[in-house]
Structure formats: C-alpha cells, structure tokens
Amino acid sequence: MRAAQSAQGPRRRLANQILQYFVPGVIVVALVTLTSALWVGHLSSTAAILRTIAVLVIACPCALSVATPVSVLAGAQRLSQLGFLIRSDEALDRASTLDTVMFDKTGTLTRGELDVVSLTIDTPDVLIWAASLEAASEHPIGAAIIREAERRSCHCYL
C-alpha cells in the first residue's frame, strides 16, 4: 500500500509536467490582466487587482495538483475496501483497458471462503471420497469440499 501511494503513475507525472508550464503561464496571464486593466482599461487599482485575483483563483493550479493524487488515492481506498490491493498508479490506469480477468485456484486471490455452488455427481460416494482426500488439507478448496460433505451429512470421510 505504501509503495502504491508513493509511486507516481502516468497521470501524476502528466499532471506535474503540465504544472511546470501551467503555473508560469497563469502568472503571465495574471500580470497581463493587471497591466491591461490599469493601462488599457483605465480601471482603478482596486478593480485591476480584483480582476487579477479572479484570474489566479479561476486558473488555480492547486486544483490540478491536488485533484490528481486525491482521485487516485480515493480509487485505491475504495478498491481496498472491496478487498483489492493496488501496487501502483499504473495498475489503476491499465485496469481501465482490461477486458478479461483470470483468477488462480490456489485461494491467494480470495478470502479463503470458497463454497461449493453446485454438484453434478450421481452418487454421494464421490463427495465422500473427495472430502476424505481433502480432510488433512488446509487449502480453501478442500475446506469448501469438506463443508459441502458436512452439509449433505456425509461424515464418513473422517
């Protein structure tokens, strides 16, 4: 989690690159606004300063520099609540292009709470044999088979 929060993904890097030019550009526009309001528009200094402040507030680079990491953090936090740990910002960026997700059967991507949903066997002996084979196992799939055997009152595997 710490590595994901400290890493700079492509969106953060892009935001930082934009800010390198954006901040000086906003300052130049604010100075042009001030000078043109004073000399071209013949406004009072108060009115010219108010217009300059408006330019700075509206074009605040803080919004971009704060919004980017905050949005990434909010996404990572929500995914964490759902049980997903994100290793980097780049993983979030790449996730938007995924069309297939594959999970392994080892239980490393689960909470270890696997369950048998359906069983298509003709005889309960097969479930007893499977539960007997899994009786000494600590694997989540084995535990699910044993729970299913117990639900069906197939206690002969012990």
C-alpha atoms as a PDB file:
ATOM      1  CA  MET A   1       0.000   0.000   0.000  1.00  0.00           C
ATOM      2  CA  ARG A   2       2.846   2.385   0.866  1.00  0.00           C
ATOM      3  CA  ALA A   3       4.565   1.669  -2.446  1.00  0.00           C
ATOM      4  CA  ALA A   4       1.340   2.409  -4.331  1.00  0.00           C
ATOM      5  CA  GLN A   5       0.830   5.700  -2.509  1.00  0.00           C
ATOM      6  CA  SER A   6       4.404   6.874  -3.014  1.00  0.00           C
ATOM      7  CA  ALA A   7       4.699   5.823  -6.666  1.00  0.00           C
ATOM      8  CA  GLN A   8       3.944   8.315  -9.369  1.00  0.00           C
ATOM      9  CA  GLY A   9       1.873   6.820 -12.118  1.00  0.00           C
ATOM     10  CA  PRO A  10       1.465   8.253 -15.588  1.00  0.00           C
ATOM     11  CA  ARG A  11      -1.419  10.526 -14.592  1.00  0.00           C
ATOM     12  CA  ARG A  12       0.533  12.121 -11.758  1.00  0.00           C
ATOM     13  CA  ARG A  13       3.601  12.524 -13.946  1.00  0.00           C
ATOM     14  CA  LEU A  14       1.457  14.134 -16.660  1.00  0.00           C
ATOM     15  CA  ALA A  15      -0.113  16.488 -14.099  1.00  0.00           C
ATOM     16  CA  ASN A  16       3.349  17.503 -12.859  1.00  0.00           C
ATOM     17  CA  GLN A  17       4.553  18.108 -16.426  1.00  0.00           C
ATOM     18  CA  ILE A  18       1.521  20.267 -17.174  1.00  0.00           C
ATOM     19  CA  LEU A  19       2.066  22.223 -13.952  1.00  0.00           C
ATOM     20  CA  GLN A  20       5.639  23.067 -14.985  1.00  0.00           C
ATOM     21  CA  TYR A  21       4.214  25.209 -17.790  1.00  0.00           C
ATOM     22  CA  PHE A  22       0.784  25.960 -16.379  1.00  0.00           C
ATOM     23  CA  VAL A  23       1.901  27.854 -13.252  1.00  0.00           C
ATOM     24  CA  PRO A  24       4.203  30.279 -15.094  1.00  0.00           C
ATOM     25  CA  GLY A  25       1.526  30.697 -17.769  1.00  0.00           C
ATOM     26  CA  VAL A  26      -1.116  31.602 -15.184  1.00  0.00           C
ATOM     27  CA  ILE A  27       1.243  34.130 -13.597  1.00  0.00           C
ATOM     28  CA  VAL A  28       1.908  35.725 -17.001  1.00  0.00           C
ATOM     29  CA  VAL A  29      -1.839  35.899 -17.749  1.00  0.00           C
ATOM     30  CA  ALA A  30      -2.462  37.444 -14.307  1.00  0.00           C
ATOM     31  CA  LEU A  31       0.241  40.084 -14.905  1.00  0.00           C
ATOM     32  CA  VAL A  32      -1.135  40.838 -18.380  1.00  0.00           C
ATOM     33  CA  THR A  33      -4.610  41.167 -16.836  1.00  0.00           C
ATOM     34  CA  LEU A  34      -3.291  43.571 -14.202  1.00  0.00           C
ATOM     35  CA  THR A  35      -1.366  45.763 -16.630  1.00  0.00           C
ATOM     36  CA  SER A  36      -4.080  45.821 -19.283  1.00  0.00           C
ATOM     37  CA  ALA A  37      -6.761  46.621 -16.684  1.00  0.00           C
ATOM     38  CA  LEU A  38      -4.655  49.500 -15.387  1.00  0.00           C
ATOM     39  CA  TRP A  39      -3.332  50.993 -18.614  1.00  0.00           C
ATOM     40  CA  VAL A  40      -5.656  49.837 -21.379  1.00  0.00           C
ATOM     41  CA  GLY A  41      -8.908  49.631 -19.436  1.00  0.00           C
ATOM     42  CA  HIS A  42      -8.071  52.628 -17.244  1.00  0.00           C
ATOM     43  CA  LEU A  43      -9.566  50.862 -14.211  1.00  0.00           C
ATOM     44  CA  SER A  44      -8.780  51.738 -10.619  1.00  0.00           C
ATOM     45  CA  SER A  45      -6.053  49.774  -8.906  1.00  0.00           C
ATOM     46  CA  THR A  46      -8.674  48.024  -6.759  1.00  0.00           C
ATOM     47  CA  ALA A  47     -10.681  46.892  -9.807  1.00  0.00           C
ATOM     48  CA  ALA A  48      -7.495  45.775 -11.605  1.00  0.00           C
ATOM     49  CA  ILE A  49      -6.319  43.789  -8.584  1.00  0.00           C
ATOM     50  CA  LEU A  50      -9.744  42.152  -8.226  1.00  0.00           C
ATOM     51  CA  ARG A  51      -9.602  41.034 -11.861  1.00  0.00           C
ATOM     52  CA  THR A  52      -6.089  39.700 -11.353  1.00  0.00           C
ATOM     53  CA  ILE A  53      -7.159  37.770  -8.272  1.00  0.00           C
ATOM     54  CA  ALA A  54     -10.095  36.359 -10.249  1.00  0.00           C
ATOM     55  CA  VAL A  55      -7.677  35.054 -12.892  1.00  0.00           C
ATOM     56  CA  LEU A  56      -5.498  33.445 -10.220  1.00  0.00           C
ATOM     57  CA  VAL A  57      -8.464  31.867  -8.405  1.00  0.00           C
ATOM     58  CA  ILE A  58     -10.106  30.531 -11.563  1.00  0.00           C
ATOM     59  CA  ALA A  59      -6.880  29.143 -13.001  1.00  0.00           C
ATOM     60  CA  CYS A  60      -5.604  27.799  -9.692  1.00  0.00           C
ATOM     61  CA  PRO A  61      -3.072  25.063 -10.439  1.00  0.00           C
ATOM     62  CA  CYS A  62      -3.703  23.692  -6.981  1.00  0.00           C
ATOM     63  CA  ALA A  63      -6.886  22.114  -8.258  1.00  0.00           C
ATOM     64  CA  LEU A  64      -4.972  20.010 -10.755  1.00  0.00           C
ATOM     65  CA  SER A  65      -2.044  19.203  -8.489  1.00  0.00           C
ATOM     66  CA  VAL A  66      -4.326  18.203  -5.600  1.00  0.00           C
ATOM     67  CA  ALA A  67      -7.144  16.564  -7.550  1.00  0.00           C
ATOM     68  CA  THR A  68      -4.957  14.059  -9.381  1.00  0.00           C
ATOM     69  CA  PRO A  69      -3.367  12.321  -6.383  1.00  0.00           C
ATOM     70  CA  VAL A  70      -6.555  12.640  -4.332  1.00  0.00           C
ATOM     71  CA  SER A  71      -8.601  10.915  -7.031  1.00  0.00           C
ATOM     72  CA  VAL A  72      -6.022   8.127  -7.321  1.00  0.00           C
ATOM     73  CA  LEU A  73      -5.985   7.738  -3.540  1.00  0.00           C
ATOM     74  CA  ALA A  74      -9.792   7.668  -3.389  1.00  0.00           C
ATOM     75  CA  GLY A  75      -9.883   4.962  -6.046  1.00  0.00           C
ATOM     76  CA  ALA A  76      -7.229   2.894  -4.266  1.00  0.00           C
ATOM     77  CA  GLN A  77      -9.029   3.320  -0.954  1.00  0.00           C
ATOM     78  CA  ARG A  78     -12.360   2.176  -2.407  1.00  0.00           C
ATOM     79  CA  LEU A  79     -10.709  -0.818  -4.036  1.00  0.00           C
ATOM     80  CA  SER A  80      -9.046  -1.622  -0.715  1.00  0.00           C
ATOM     81  CA  GLN A  81     -12.467  -1.648   0.960  1.00  0.00           C
ATOM     82  CA  LEU A  82     -13.564  -4.157  -1.679  1.00  0.00           C
ATOM     83  CA  GLY A  83     -10.542  -6.367  -0.926  1.00  0.00           C
ATOM     84  CA  PHE A  84      -8.222  -5.303  -3.758  1.00  0.00           C
ATOM     85  CA  LEU A  85      -4.716  -4.009  -3.090  1.00  0.00           C
ATOM     86  CA  ILE A  86      -3.253  -1.791  -5.795  1.00  0.00           C
ATOM     87  CA  ARG A  87       0.520  -1.870  -6.224  1.00  0.00           C
ATOM     88  CA  SER A  88       0.850   1.276  -8.352  1.00  0.00           C
ATOM     89  CA  ASP A  89      -0.969   4.095 -10.107  1.00  0.00           C
ATOM     90  CA  GLU A  90      -0.091   2.411 -13.376  1.00  0.00           C
ATOM     91  CA  ALA A  91      -2.131  -0.627 -12.342  1.00  0.00           C
ATOM     92  CA  LEU A  92      -5.182   1.626 -11.995  1.00  0.00           C
ATOM     93  CA  ASP A  93      -4.541   3.139 -15.418  1.00  0.00           C
ATOM     94  CA  ARG A  94      -4.132  -0.268 -17.039  1.00  0.00           C
ATOM     95  CA  ALA A  95      -7.232  -1.617 -15.277  1.00  0.00           C
ATOM     96  CA  SER A  96      -9.437   0.644 -17.385  1.00  0.00           C
ATOM     97  CA  THR A  97      -8.394  -1.255 -20.518  1.00  0.00           C
ATOM     98  CA  LEU A  98      -8.920  -4.774 -19.146  1.00  0.00           C
ATOM     99  CA  ASP A  99     -11.433  -6.996 -20.857  1.00  0.00           C
ATOM    100  CA  THR A 100     -10.554 -10.268 -19.078  1.00  0.00           C
ATOM    101  CA  VAL A 101      -9.575 -11.078 -15.507  1.00  0.00           C
ATOM    102  CA  MET A 102      -8.297 -14.519 -14.565  1.00  0.00           C
ATOM    103  CA  PHE A 103      -8.023 -15.866 -11.022  1.00  0.00           C
ATOM    104  CA  ASP A 104      -5.988 -18.801  -9.867  1.00  0.00           C
ATOM    105  CA  LYS A 105      -7.450 -21.677  -7.889  1.00  0.00           C
ATOM    106  CA  THR A 106      -4.979 -21.527  -5.002  1.00  0.00           C
ATOM    107  CA  GLY A 107      -7.041 -19.157  -2.913  1.00  0.00           C
ATOM    108  CA  THR A 108      -4.381 -16.444  -2.939  1.00  0.00           C
ATOM    109  CA  LEU A 109      -6.833 -14.040  -4.555  1.00  0.00           C
ATOM    110  CA  THR A 110      -9.735 -14.961  -2.317  1.00  0.00           C
ATOM    111  CA  ARG A 111     -10.603 -14.530   1.307  1.00  0.00           C
ATOM    112  CA  GLY A 112     -10.413 -18.281   1.798  1.00  0.00           C
ATOM    113  CA  GLU A 113     -14.183 -18.535   1.916  1.00  0.00           C
ATOM    114  CA  LEU A 114     -14.780 -20.645  -1.144  1.00  0.00           C
ATOM    115  CA  ASP A 115     -18.015 -22.586  -1.355  1.00  0.00           C
ATOM    116  CA  VAL A 116     -19.414 -25.377  -3.476  1.00  0.00           C
ATOM    117  CA  VAL A 117     -22.192 -23.826  -5.565  1.00  0.00           C
ATOM    118  CA  SER A 118     -23.411 -26.879  -7.432  1.00  0.00           C
ATOM    119  CA  LEU A 119     -22.557 -30.542  -7.614  1.00  0.00           C
ATOM    120  CA  THR A 120     -23.231 -32.714 -10.642  1.00  0.00           C
ATOM    121  CA  ILE A 121     -22.435 -36.203  -9.412  1.00  0.00           C
ATOM    122  CA  ASP A 122     -24.673 -39.239  -9.467  1.00  0.00           C
ATOM    123  CA  THR A 123     -23.588 -40.764  -6.189  1.00  0.00           C
ATOM    124  CA  PRO A 124     -22.730 -39.237  -2.808  1.00  0.00           C
ATOM    125  CA  ASP A 125     -19.722 -41.588  -2.618  1.00  0.00           C
ATOM    126  CA  VAL A 126     -17.749 -39.260  -4.894  1.00  0.00           C
ATOM    127  CA  LEU A 127     -18.237 -36.394  -2.447  1.00  0.00           C
ATOM    128  CA  ILE A 128     -17.212 -38.664   0.445  1.00  0.00           C
ATOM    129  CA  TRP A 129     -14.054 -39.676  -1.439  1.00  0.00           C
ATOM    130  CA  ALA A 130     -13.214 -36.071  -2.285  1.00  0.00           C
ATOM    131  CA  ALA A 131     -13.790 -34.983   1.324  1.00  0.00           C
ATOM    132  CA  SER A 132     -11.633 -37.879   2.541  1.00  0.00           C
ATOM    133  CA  LEU A 133      -8.817 -36.765   0.259  1.00  0.00           C
ATOM    134  CA  GLU A 134      -9.115 -33.162   1.497  1.00  0.00           C
ATOM    135  CA  ALA A 135      -9.526 -33.990   5.216  1.00  0.00           C
ATOM    136  CA  ALA A 136      -5.873 -33.269   6.053  1.00  0.00           C
ATOM    137  CA  SER A 137      -5.630 -30.288   3.733  1.00  0.00           C
ATOM    138  CA  GLU A 138      -5.788 -26.644   4.808  1.00  0.00           C
ATOM    139  CA  HIS A 139      -6.474 -25.464   1.285  1.00  0.00           C
ATOM    140  CA  PRO A 140      -9.593 -23.269   0.830  1.00  0.00           C
ATOM    141  CA  ILE A 141     -10.981 -25.527  -1.905  1.00  0.00           C
ATOM    142  CA  GLY A 142     -10.516 -28.580   0.305  1.00  0.00           C
ATOM    143  CA  ALA A 143     -12.296 -26.813   3.156  1.00  0.00           C
ATOM    144  CA  ALA A 144     -15.191 -25.980   0.817  1.00  0.00           C
ATOM    145  CA  ILE A 145     -15.485 -29.645  -0.211  1.00  0.00           C
ATOM    146  CA  ILE A 146     -15.471 -30.750   3.424  1.00  0.00           C
ATOM    147  CA  ARG A 147     -18.167 -28.180   4.339  1.00  0.00           C
ATOM    148  CA  GLU A 148     -20.315 -29.412   1.444  1.00  0.00           C
ATOM    149  CA  ALA A 149     -19.886 -33.016   2.594  1.00  0.00           C
ATOM    150  CA  GLU A 150     -20.911 -31.989   6.125  1.00  0.00           C
ATOM    151  CA  ARG A 151     -23.948 -30.092   4.787  1.00  0.00           C
ATOM    152  CA  ARG A 152     -25.006 -33.257   2.988  1.00  0.00           C
ATOM    153  CA  SER A 153     -24.341 -35.346   6.123  1.00  0.00           C
ATOM    154  CA  CYS A 154     -21.510 -37.287   4.523  1.00  0.00           C
ATOM    155  CA  HIS A 155     -19.408 -37.673   7.677  1.00  0.00           C
ATOM    156  CA  CYS A 156     -17.766 -40.930   6.629  1.00  0.00           C
ATOM    157  CA  TYR A 157     -14.579 -39.255   5.442  1.00  0.00           C
ATOM    158  CA  LEU A 158     -13.007 -38.860   8.914  1.00  0.00           C
END
